[in-house]
Amino acid sequence: MSRTNIIIIISSTATLLFVLELVRRRKLREEYSWLWLLTAVVYLVVTIWSGLGDWVTDAIGTNSVPIAFAFIGLQFLVIISIQYSVRLSNLTTQIKDLSQEVAILDSELRQLQGENEKDTNEEFLQLIQQNELLSEKIMTLERELDEFKDFSTDDA
């Protein structure tokens, strides 16, 4: 076994253990961990099973296993970046939609307050409850977005 293979095995094992520890400590959500775990396992399998490494090298069209590993790693980073961009876009859209909904409810609430306070007490309370629920949803989404930003900056 070459020195390169030993380094790849050590780094793959370290990555596996690190990702599992992050999931255990709830610093990394399970939905994001599967790609990292899959990559570490694939690197381990390709390194240990030398024939598979040669096959991957031939399939990519290079004559060097380290170059093949670097290429596969780069492709993985591209895929992970796209996944994070999609998730960030979804969270941004959800926050915008919820903010607009809260603004509409707030406007309706002010109209009802101005019309007749006695007749609108029940509607007023319902709107307050809806407003509070939407505010909680926005705060949850903002926390998820902050966690996502923190996670993506920790990986960089």
N, C-alpha and C. Protein backbone atom coordinates (compact mmCIF):
# COMPACT_ATOMS: atom_id res chain seq x y z
N MET A 1 0.85 -1.17 0.00
CA MET A 1 0.00 0.00 0.00
C MET A 1 0.90 1.24 0.00
N SER A 2 0.57 2.17 -0.88
CA SER A 2 1.42 3.36 -1.03
C SER A 2 1.13 4.38 0.06
N ARG A 3 2.04 5.32 0.15
CA ARG A 3 1.90 6.40 1.14
C ARG A 3 0.63 7.22 0.86
N THR A 4 0.34 7.45 -0.40
CA THR A 4 -0.87 8.19 -0.79
C THR A 4 -2.12 7.47 -0.31
N ASN A 5 -2.17 6.15 -0.49
CA ASN A 5 -3.33 5.37 -0.03
C ASN A 5 -3.50 5.47 1.48
N ILE A 6 -2.41 5.42 2.21
CA ILE A 6 -2.48 5.52 3.68
C ILE A 6 -3.02 6.88 4.09
N ILE A 7 -2.56 7.93 3.42
CA ILE A 7 -3.03 9.28 3.73
C ILE A 7 -4.52 9.41 3.42
N ILE A 8 -4.95 8.85 2.30
CA ILE A 8 -6.37 8.91 1.93
C ILE A 8 -7.22 8.13 2.93
N ILE A 9 -6.75 6.97 3.35
CA ILE A 9 -7.49 6.16 4.33
C ILE A 9 -7.61 6.92 5.66
N ILE A 10 -6.52 7.53 6.10
CA ILE A 10 -6.55 8.28 7.36
C ILE A 10 -7.49 9.48 7.25
N SER A 11 -7.39 10.23 6.15
CA SER A 11 -8.25 11.41 6.02
C SER A 11 -9.71 11.03 5.85
N SER A 12 -10.00 9.96 5.14
CA SER A 12 -11.39 9.50 4.98
C SER A 12 -11.97 9.06 6.32
N THR A 13 -11.18 8.32 7.08
CA THR A 13 -11.63 7.87 8.40
C THR A 13 -11.85 9.06 9.33
N ALA A 14 -10.94 10.01 9.29
CA ALA A 14 -11.08 11.22 10.11
C ALA A 14 -12.33 12.00 9.72
N THR A 15 -12.59 12.10 8.43
CA THR A 15 -13.79 12.80 7.96
C THR A 15 -15.05 12.09 8.44
N LEU A 16 -15.06 10.77 8.32
CA LEU A 16 -16.20 9.98 8.79
C LEU A 16 -16.46 10.24 10.27
N LEU A 17 -15.43 10.13 11.08
CA LEU A 17 -15.58 10.32 12.52
C LEU A 17 -15.99 11.76 12.86
N PHE A 18 -15.42 12.72 12.16
CA PHE A 18 -15.73 14.12 12.41
C PHE A 18 -17.21 14.42 12.10
N VAL A 19 -17.69 13.93 10.95
CA VAL A 19 -19.08 14.15 10.58
C VAL A 19 -20.03 13.47 11.58
N LEU A 20 -19.72 12.26 11.96
CA LEU A 20 -20.55 11.56 12.94
C LEU A 20 -20.58 12.31 14.28
N GLU A 21 -19.45 12.86 14.68
CA GLU A 21 -19.39 13.63 15.93
C GLU A 21 -20.22 14.91 15.82
N LEU A 22 -20.16 15.59 14.68
CA LEU A 22 -20.96 16.79 14.48
C LEU A 22 -22.46 16.47 14.53
N VAL A 23 -22.85 15.35 13.95
CA VAL A 23 -24.26 14.94 14.00
C VAL A 23 -24.65 14.61 15.43
N ARG A 24 -23.78 13.89 16.13
CA ARG A 24 -24.06 13.51 17.52
C ARG A 24 -24.24 14.75 18.41
N ARG A 25 -23.44 15.77 18.19
CA ARG A 25 -23.52 17.01 18.99
C ARG A 25 -24.60 17.96 18.47
N ARG A 26 -25.30 17.55 17.42
CA ARG A 26 -26.37 18.34 16.80
C ARG A 26 -25.86 19.67 16.22
N LYS A 27 -24.63 19.65 15.75
CA LYS A 27 -24.08 20.81 15.06
C LYS A 27 -24.28 20.68 13.55
N LEU A 28 -24.53 19.45 13.11
CA LEU A 28 -24.78 19.17 11.70
C LEU A 28 -26.04 18.32 11.63
N ARG A 29 -26.99 18.77 10.83
CA ARG A 29 -28.24 18.01 10.71
C ARG A 29 -28.03 16.79 9.84
N GLU A 30 -28.83 15.76 10.13
CA GLU A 30 -28.69 14.49 9.41
C GLU A 30 -28.88 14.66 7.91
N GLU A 31 -29.78 15.55 7.52
CA GLU A 31 -30.06 15.73 6.11
C GLU A 31 -28.85 16.24 5.33
N TYR A 32 -27.91 16.91 6.01
CA TYR A 32 -26.71 17.39 5.35
C TYR A 32 -25.54 16.42 5.49
N SER A 33 -25.63 15.52 6.44
CA SER A 33 -24.49 14.65 6.73
C SER A 33 -24.34 13.51 5.73
N TRP A 34 -25.41 13.09 5.08
CA TRP A 34 -25.33 11.90 4.24
C TRP A 34 -24.34 12.06 3.08
N LEU A 35 -24.26 13.24 2.49
CA LEU A 35 -23.31 13.43 1.38
C LEU A 35 -21.87 13.32 1.86
N TRP A 36 -21.58 13.90 3.03
CA TRP A 36 -20.22 13.83 3.57
C TRP A 36 -19.86 12.39 3.93
N LEU A 37 -20.80 11.69 4.56
CA LEU A 37 -20.54 10.29 4.93
C LEU A 37 -20.35 9.43 3.69
N LEU A 38 -21.20 9.63 2.70
CA LEU A 38 -21.09 8.87 1.46
C LEU A 38 -19.75 9.10 0.78
N THR A 39 -19.31 10.33 0.75
CA THR A 39 -18.02 10.64 0.13
C THR A 39 -16.87 9.97 0.86
N ALA A 40 -16.87 10.05 2.19
CA ALA A 40 -15.80 9.42 2.96
C ALA A 40 -15.78 7.92 2.75
N VAL A 41 -16.96 7.29 2.71
CA VAL A 41 -17.03 5.84 2.51
C VAL A 41 -16.55 5.47 1.11
N VAL A 42 -16.95 6.25 0.11
CA VAL A 42 -16.50 5.97 -1.27
C VAL A 42 -14.99 6.08 -1.37
N TYR A 43 -14.41 7.12 -0.77
CA TYR A 43 -12.96 7.26 -0.78
C TYR A 43 -12.29 6.05 -0.11
N LEU A 44 -12.84 5.61 1.01
CA LEU A 44 -12.28 4.44 1.69
C LEU A 44 -12.35 3.19 0.82
N VAL A 45 -13.51 2.94 0.24
CA VAL A 45 -13.69 1.74 -0.57
C VAL A 45 -12.77 1.76 -1.79
N VAL A 46 -12.71 2.89 -2.48
CA VAL A 46 -11.86 2.98 -3.68
C VAL A 46 -10.39 2.82 -3.31
N THR A 47 -9.99 3.33 -2.15
CA THR A 47 -8.60 3.22 -1.73
C THR A 47 -8.24 1.80 -1.33
N ILE A 48 -9.10 1.16 -0.56
CA ILE A 48 -8.82 -0.18 -0.07
C ILE A 48 -8.88 -1.21 -1.20
N TRP A 49 -9.83 -1.07 -2.08
CA TRP A 49 -10.01 -2.01 -3.20
C TRP A 49 -9.25 -1.42 -4.39
N SER A 50 -8.01 -1.81 -4.56
CA SER A 50 -7.12 -1.17 -5.54
C SER A 50 -7.62 -1.32 -6.97
N GLY A 51 -8.26 -2.42 -7.29
CA GLY A 51 -8.79 -2.58 -8.64
C GLY A 51 -9.85 -1.56 -8.97
N LEU A 52 -10.63 -1.18 -7.97
CA LEU A 52 -11.67 -0.17 -8.17
C LEU A 52 -11.04 1.20 -8.43
N GLY A 53 -9.95 1.49 -7.72
CA GLY A 53 -9.23 2.75 -7.95
C GLY A 53 -8.70 2.84 -9.37
N ASP A 54 -8.16 1.72 -9.86
CA ASP A 54 -7.67 1.70 -11.24
C ASP A 54 -8.82 1.87 -12.23
N TRP A 55 -9.95 1.25 -11.93
CA TRP A 55 -11.12 1.37 -12.82
C TRP A 55 -11.60 2.82 -12.86
N VAL A 56 -11.67 3.49 -11.69
CA VAL A 56 -12.10 4.89 -11.63
C VAL A 56 -11.12 5.76 -12.41
N THR A 57 -9.85 5.49 -12.25
CA THR A 57 -8.82 6.26 -12.96
C THR A 57 -8.99 6.10 -14.48
N ASP A 58 -9.22 4.87 -14.93
CA ASP A 58 -9.45 4.64 -16.36
C ASP A 58 -10.73 5.31 -16.84
N ALA A 59 -11.79 5.26 -16.02
CA ALA A 59 -13.08 5.85 -16.41
C ALA A 59 -12.98 7.36 -16.56
N ILE A 60 -12.18 7.99 -15.70
CA ILE A 60 -12.01 9.45 -15.77
C ILE A 60 -11.06 9.81 -16.91
N GLY A 61 -10.18 8.91 -17.25
CA GLY A 61 -9.27 9.16 -18.37
C GLY A 61 -7.93 9.70 -17.94
N THR A 62 -7.52 9.38 -16.72
CA THR A 62 -6.22 9.83 -16.25
C THR A 62 -5.38 8.61 -15.90
N ASN A 63 -4.12 8.81 -15.63
CA ASN A 63 -3.27 7.69 -15.26
C ASN A 63 -2.80 7.77 -13.82
N SER A 64 -3.38 8.68 -13.05
CA SER A 64 -2.96 8.88 -11.67
C SER A 64 -4.18 8.81 -10.74
N VAL A 65 -4.09 7.95 -9.75
CA VAL A 65 -5.18 7.80 -8.77
C VAL A 65 -5.38 9.10 -7.97
N PRO A 66 -4.31 9.78 -7.50
CA PRO A 66 -4.53 11.04 -6.77
C PRO A 66 -5.26 12.11 -7.60
N ILE A 67 -4.95 12.16 -8.90
CA ILE A 67 -5.66 13.12 -9.76
C ILE A 67 -7.12 12.75 -9.85
N ALA A 68 -7.42 11.46 -9.96
CA ALA A 68 -8.80 11.00 -10.01
C ALA A 68 -9.53 11.37 -8.72
N PHE A 69 -8.86 11.16 -7.58
CA PHE A 69 -9.47 11.52 -6.29
C PHE A 69 -9.72 13.03 -6.21
N ALA A 70 -8.77 13.82 -6.67
CA ALA A 70 -8.93 15.28 -6.64
C ALA A 70 -10.11 15.70 -7.52
N PHE A 71 -10.24 15.08 -8.69
CA PHE A 71 -11.34 15.40 -9.59
C PHE A 71 -12.69 15.04 -8.95
N ILE A 72 -12.77 13.87 -8.36
CA ILE A 72 -14.02 13.43 -7.71
C ILE A 72 -14.33 14.36 -6.54
N GLY A 73 -13.33 14.74 -5.77
CA GLY A 73 -13.53 15.66 -4.66
C GLY A 73 -14.05 17.02 -5.12
N LEU A 74 -13.49 17.52 -6.21
CA LEU A 74 -13.94 18.79 -6.76
C LEU A 74 -15.40 18.70 -7.21
N GLN A 75 -15.76 17.61 -7.86
CA GLN A 75 -17.14 17.42 -8.29
C GLN A 75 -18.08 17.36 -7.08
N PHE A 76 -17.64 16.72 -6.03
CA PHE A 76 -18.44 16.65 -4.81
C PHE A 76 -18.68 18.05 -4.26
N LEU A 77 -17.66 18.88 -4.22
CA LEU A 77 -17.81 20.24 -3.70
C LEU A 77 -18.77 21.07 -4.56
N VAL A 78 -18.75 20.84 -5.86
CA VAL A 78 -19.69 21.54 -6.74
C VAL A 78 -21.12 21.11 -6.40
N ILE A 79 -21.35 19.81 -6.22
CA ILE A 79 -22.69 19.30 -5.90
C ILE A 79 -23.15 19.85 -4.56
N ILE A 80 -22.29 19.84 -3.57
CA ILE A 80 -22.66 20.34 -2.23
C ILE A 80 -22.98 21.83 -2.30
N SER A 81 -22.23 22.60 -3.08
CA SER A 81 -22.48 24.04 -3.22
C SER A 81 -23.84 24.29 -3.87
N ILE A 82 -24.17 23.50 -4.86
CA ILE A 82 -25.48 23.65 -5.50
C ILE A 82 -26.60 23.31 -4.52
N GLN A 83 -26.42 22.24 -3.74
CA GLN A 83 -27.43 21.85 -2.76
C GLN A 83 -27.65 22.98 -1.74
N TYR A 84 -26.57 23.59 -1.26
CA TYR A 84 -26.69 24.67 -0.28
C TYR A 84 -27.33 25.90 -0.91
N SER A 85 -27.03 26.18 -2.15
CA SER A 85 -27.64 27.32 -2.82
C SER A 85 -29.15 27.13 -2.96
N VAL A 86 -29.58 25.91 -3.30
CA VAL A 86 -31.00 25.62 -3.41
C VAL A 86 -31.68 25.78 -2.05
N ARG A 87 -31.07 25.25 -1.00
CA ARG A 87 -31.64 25.35 0.35
C ARG A 87 -31.72 26.81 0.79
N LEU A 88 -30.68 27.58 0.54
CA LEU A 88 -30.67 29.00 0.90
C LEU A 88 -31.75 29.76 0.13
N SER A 89 -31.93 29.44 -1.14
CA SER A 89 -32.97 30.09 -1.94
C SER A 89 -34.36 29.78 -1.38
N ASN A 90 -34.60 28.53 -1.01
CA ASN A 90 -35.90 28.14 -0.45
C ASN A 90 -36.16 28.87 0.86
N LEU A 91 -35.18 28.94 1.74
CA LEU A 91 -35.35 29.63 3.01
C LEU A 91 -35.61 31.13 2.80
N THR A 92 -34.91 31.73 1.87
CA THR A 92 -35.10 33.15 1.58
C THR A 92 -36.52 33.41 1.07
N THR A 93 -37.02 32.55 0.19
CA THR A 93 -38.38 32.69 -0.33
C THR A 93 -39.41 32.52 0.78
N GLN A 94 -39.21 31.54 1.65
CA GLN A 94 -40.14 31.33 2.75
C GLN A 94 -40.18 32.53 3.69
N ILE A 95 -39.03 33.09 4.00
CA ILE A 95 -38.98 34.27 4.88
C ILE A 95 -39.69 35.45 4.22
N LYS A 96 -39.48 35.65 2.95
CA LYS A 96 -40.14 36.75 2.23
C LYS A 96 -41.65 36.57 2.25
N ASP A 97 -42.12 35.35 1.94
CA ASP A 97 -43.56 35.07 1.93
C ASP A 97 -44.19 35.28 3.30
N LEU A 98 -43.53 34.79 4.34
CA LEU A 98 -44.06 34.96 5.69
C LEU A 98 -44.06 36.42 6.12
N SER A 99 -43.04 37.15 5.74
CA SER A 99 -42.98 38.58 6.08
C SER A 99 -44.13 39.33 5.40
N GLN A 100 -44.42 39.00 4.15
CA GLN A 100 -45.53 39.64 3.46
C GLN A 100 -46.86 39.28 4.11
N GLU A 101 -47.01 38.04 4.52
CA GLU A 101 -48.23 37.60 5.18
C GLU A 101 -48.43 38.34 6.50
N VAL A 102 -47.35 38.51 7.25
CA VAL A 102 -47.43 39.25 8.51
C VAL A 102 -47.81 40.70 8.24
N ALA A 103 -47.26 41.31 7.21
CA ALA A 103 -47.58 42.70 6.89
C ALA A 103 -49.06 42.84 6.52
N ILE A 104 -49.59 41.89 5.77
CA ILE A 104 -51.01 41.92 5.40
C ILE A 104 -51.88 41.78 6.64
N LEU A 105 -51.54 40.83 7.50
CA LEU A 105 -52.30 40.65 8.73
C LEU A 105 -52.23 41.88 9.63
N ASP A 106 -51.07 42.50 9.68
CA ASP A 106 -50.91 43.71 10.48
C ASP A 106 -51.78 44.83 9.93
N SER A 107 -51.85 44.95 8.62
CA SER A 107 -52.69 45.97 8.00
C SER A 107 -54.17 45.71 8.30
N GLU A 108 -54.59 44.45 8.17
CA GLU A 108 -55.97 44.09 8.48
C GLU A 108 -56.27 44.36 9.96
N LEU A 109 -55.34 44.08 10.80
CA LEU A 109 -55.50 44.30 12.23
C LEU A 109 -55.71 45.78 12.53
N ARG A 110 -54.95 46.63 11.90
CA ARG A 110 -55.09 48.08 12.12
C ARG A 110 -56.43 48.59 11.59
N GLN A 111 -56.88 48.04 10.46
CA GLN A 111 -58.19 48.43 9.93
C GLN A 111 -59.30 48.04 10.90
N LEU A 112 -59.22 46.83 11.41
CA LEU A 112 -60.25 46.37 12.34
C LEU A 112 -60.25 47.17 13.62
N GLN A 113 -59.09 47.56 14.08
CA GLN A 113 -59.01 48.38 15.30
C GLN A 113 -59.68 49.73 15.08
N GLY A 114 -59.49 50.29 13.91
CA GLY A 114 -60.04 51.60 13.62
C GLY A 114 -61.54 51.58 13.42
N GLU A 115 -62.12 50.51 12.91
CA GLU A 115 -63.54 50.45 12.61
C GLU A 115 -64.39 50.41 13.88
N ASN A 116 -64.19 49.38 14.65
CA ASN A 116 -65.03 49.26 15.84
C ASN A 116 -64.38 48.27 16.79
N GLU A 117 -63.85 48.75 17.86
CA GLU A 117 -63.13 47.90 18.80
C GLU A 117 -64.04 46.91 19.49
N LYS A 118 -65.28 47.28 19.79
CA LYS A 118 -66.18 46.39 20.52
C LYS A 118 -66.57 45.17 19.68
N ASP A 119 -66.88 45.37 18.42
CA ASP A 119 -67.34 44.27 17.56
C ASP A 119 -66.20 43.38 17.10
N THR A 120 -65.01 43.87 17.18
CA THR A 120 -63.90 43.13 16.59
C THR A 120 -62.96 42.49 17.60
N ASN A 121 -63.35 42.40 18.83
CA ASN A 121 -62.47 41.81 19.84
C ASN A 121 -62.06 40.38 19.48
N GLU A 122 -63.01 39.55 19.06
CA GLU A 122 -62.67 38.16 18.72
C GLU A 122 -61.79 38.10 17.47
N GLU A 123 -62.15 38.87 16.47
CA GLU A 123 -61.34 38.89 15.25
C GLU A 123 -59.94 39.45 15.55
N PHE A 124 -59.93 40.45 16.41
CA PHE A 124 -58.66 41.05 16.81
C PHE A 124 -57.77 40.02 17.48
N LEU A 125 -58.32 39.24 18.40
CA LEU A 125 -57.55 38.21 19.08
C LEU A 125 -57.06 37.14 18.11
N GLN A 126 -57.92 36.76 17.16
CA GLN A 126 -57.50 35.77 16.16
C GLN A 126 -56.34 36.30 15.31
N LEU A 127 -56.46 37.55 14.91
CA LEU A 127 -55.38 38.13 14.11
C LEU A 127 -54.09 38.23 14.92
N ILE A 128 -54.21 38.54 16.19
CA ILE A 128 -53.01 38.59 17.04
C ILE A 128 -52.37 37.21 17.11
N GLN A 129 -53.21 36.18 17.29
CA GLN A 129 -52.68 34.81 17.36
C GLN A 129 -52.02 34.42 16.04
N GLN A 130 -52.68 34.74 14.91
CA GLN A 130 -52.09 34.43 13.61
C GLN A 130 -50.77 35.18 13.43
N ASN A 131 -50.77 36.42 13.84
CA ASN A 131 -49.56 37.24 13.73
C ASN A 131 -48.43 36.63 14.56
N GLU A 132 -48.74 36.19 15.79
CA GLU A 132 -47.73 35.58 16.64
C GLU A 132 -47.21 34.28 16.05
N LEU A 133 -48.12 33.45 15.49
CA LEU A 133 -47.69 32.19 14.87
C LEU A 133 -46.77 32.46 13.68
N LEU A 134 -47.14 33.42 12.85
CA LEU A 134 -46.30 33.74 11.70
C LEU A 134 -44.97 34.33 12.14
N SER A 135 -44.98 35.13 13.19
CA SER A 135 -43.72 35.68 13.71
C SER A 135 -42.82 34.56 14.21
N GLU A 136 -43.40 33.57 14.87
CA GLU A 136 -42.61 32.42 15.33
C GLU A 136 -42.04 31.64 14.15
N LYS A 137 -42.85 31.47 13.09
CA LYS A 137 -42.35 30.78 11.90
C LYS A 137 -41.18 31.54 11.29
N ILE A 138 -41.32 32.86 11.23
CA ILE A 138 -40.24 33.68 10.66
C ILE A 138 -38.98 33.54 11.50
N MET A 139 -39.12 33.59 12.83
CA MET A 139 -37.94 33.46 13.69
C MET A 139 -37.30 32.09 13.51
N THR A 140 -38.13 31.04 13.37
CA THR A 140 -37.59 29.69 13.16
C THR A 140 -36.82 29.62 11.84
N LEU A 141 -37.41 30.18 10.78
CA LEU A 141 -36.74 30.18 9.49
C LEU A 141 -35.46 31.01 9.52
N GLU A 142 -35.50 32.13 10.24
CA GLU A 142 -34.29 32.94 10.35
C GLU A 142 -33.20 32.19 11.12
N ARG A 143 -33.60 31.45 12.17
CA ARG A 143 -32.62 30.64 12.90
C ARG A 143 -32.03 29.57 11.99
N GLU A 144 -32.90 28.91 11.19
CA GLU A 144 -32.40 27.89 10.27
C GLU A 144 -31.45 28.52 9.26
N LEU A 145 -31.81 29.71 8.78
CA LEU A 145 -30.95 30.39 7.82
C LEU A 145 -29.62 30.76 8.46
N ASP A 146 -29.64 31.24 9.73
CA ASP A 146 -28.40 31.55 10.43
C ASP A 146 -27.57 30.29 10.65
N GLU A 147 -28.23 29.17 11.02
CA GLU A 147 -27.51 27.91 11.20
C GLU A 147 -26.89 27.47 9.88
N PHE A 148 -27.65 27.65 8.80
CA PHE A 148 -27.14 27.28 7.49
C PHE A 148 -25.93 28.12 7.13
N LYS A 149 -26.04 29.45 7.40
CA LYS A 149 -24.92 30.34 7.09
C LYS A 149 -23.72 29.98 7.96
N ASP A 150 -23.97 29.71 9.27
CA ASP A 150 -22.88 29.33 10.17
C ASP A 150 -22.26 28.03 9.71
N PHE A 151 -23.08 27.06 9.30
CA PHE A 151 -22.57 25.77 8.86
C PHE A 151 -21.74 25.91 7.59
N SER A 152 -22.26 26.72 6.64
CA SER A 152 -21.53 26.86 5.39
C SER A 152 -20.23 27.63 5.58
N THR A 153 -20.19 28.58 6.53
CA THR A 153 -18.93 29.29 6.78
C THR A 153 -17.97 28.43 7.59
N ASP A 154 -18.48 27.53 8.43
CA ASP A 154 -17.60 26.62 9.16
C ASP A 154 -16.91 25.66 8.22
N ASP A 155 -17.59 25.24 7.16
CA ASP A 155 -17.00 24.30 6.21
C ASP A 155 -15.96 24.95 5.32
N ALA A 156 -16.10 26.26 5.10
CA ALA A 156 -15.19 26.96 4.19
C ALA A 156 -13.85 27.12 4.77
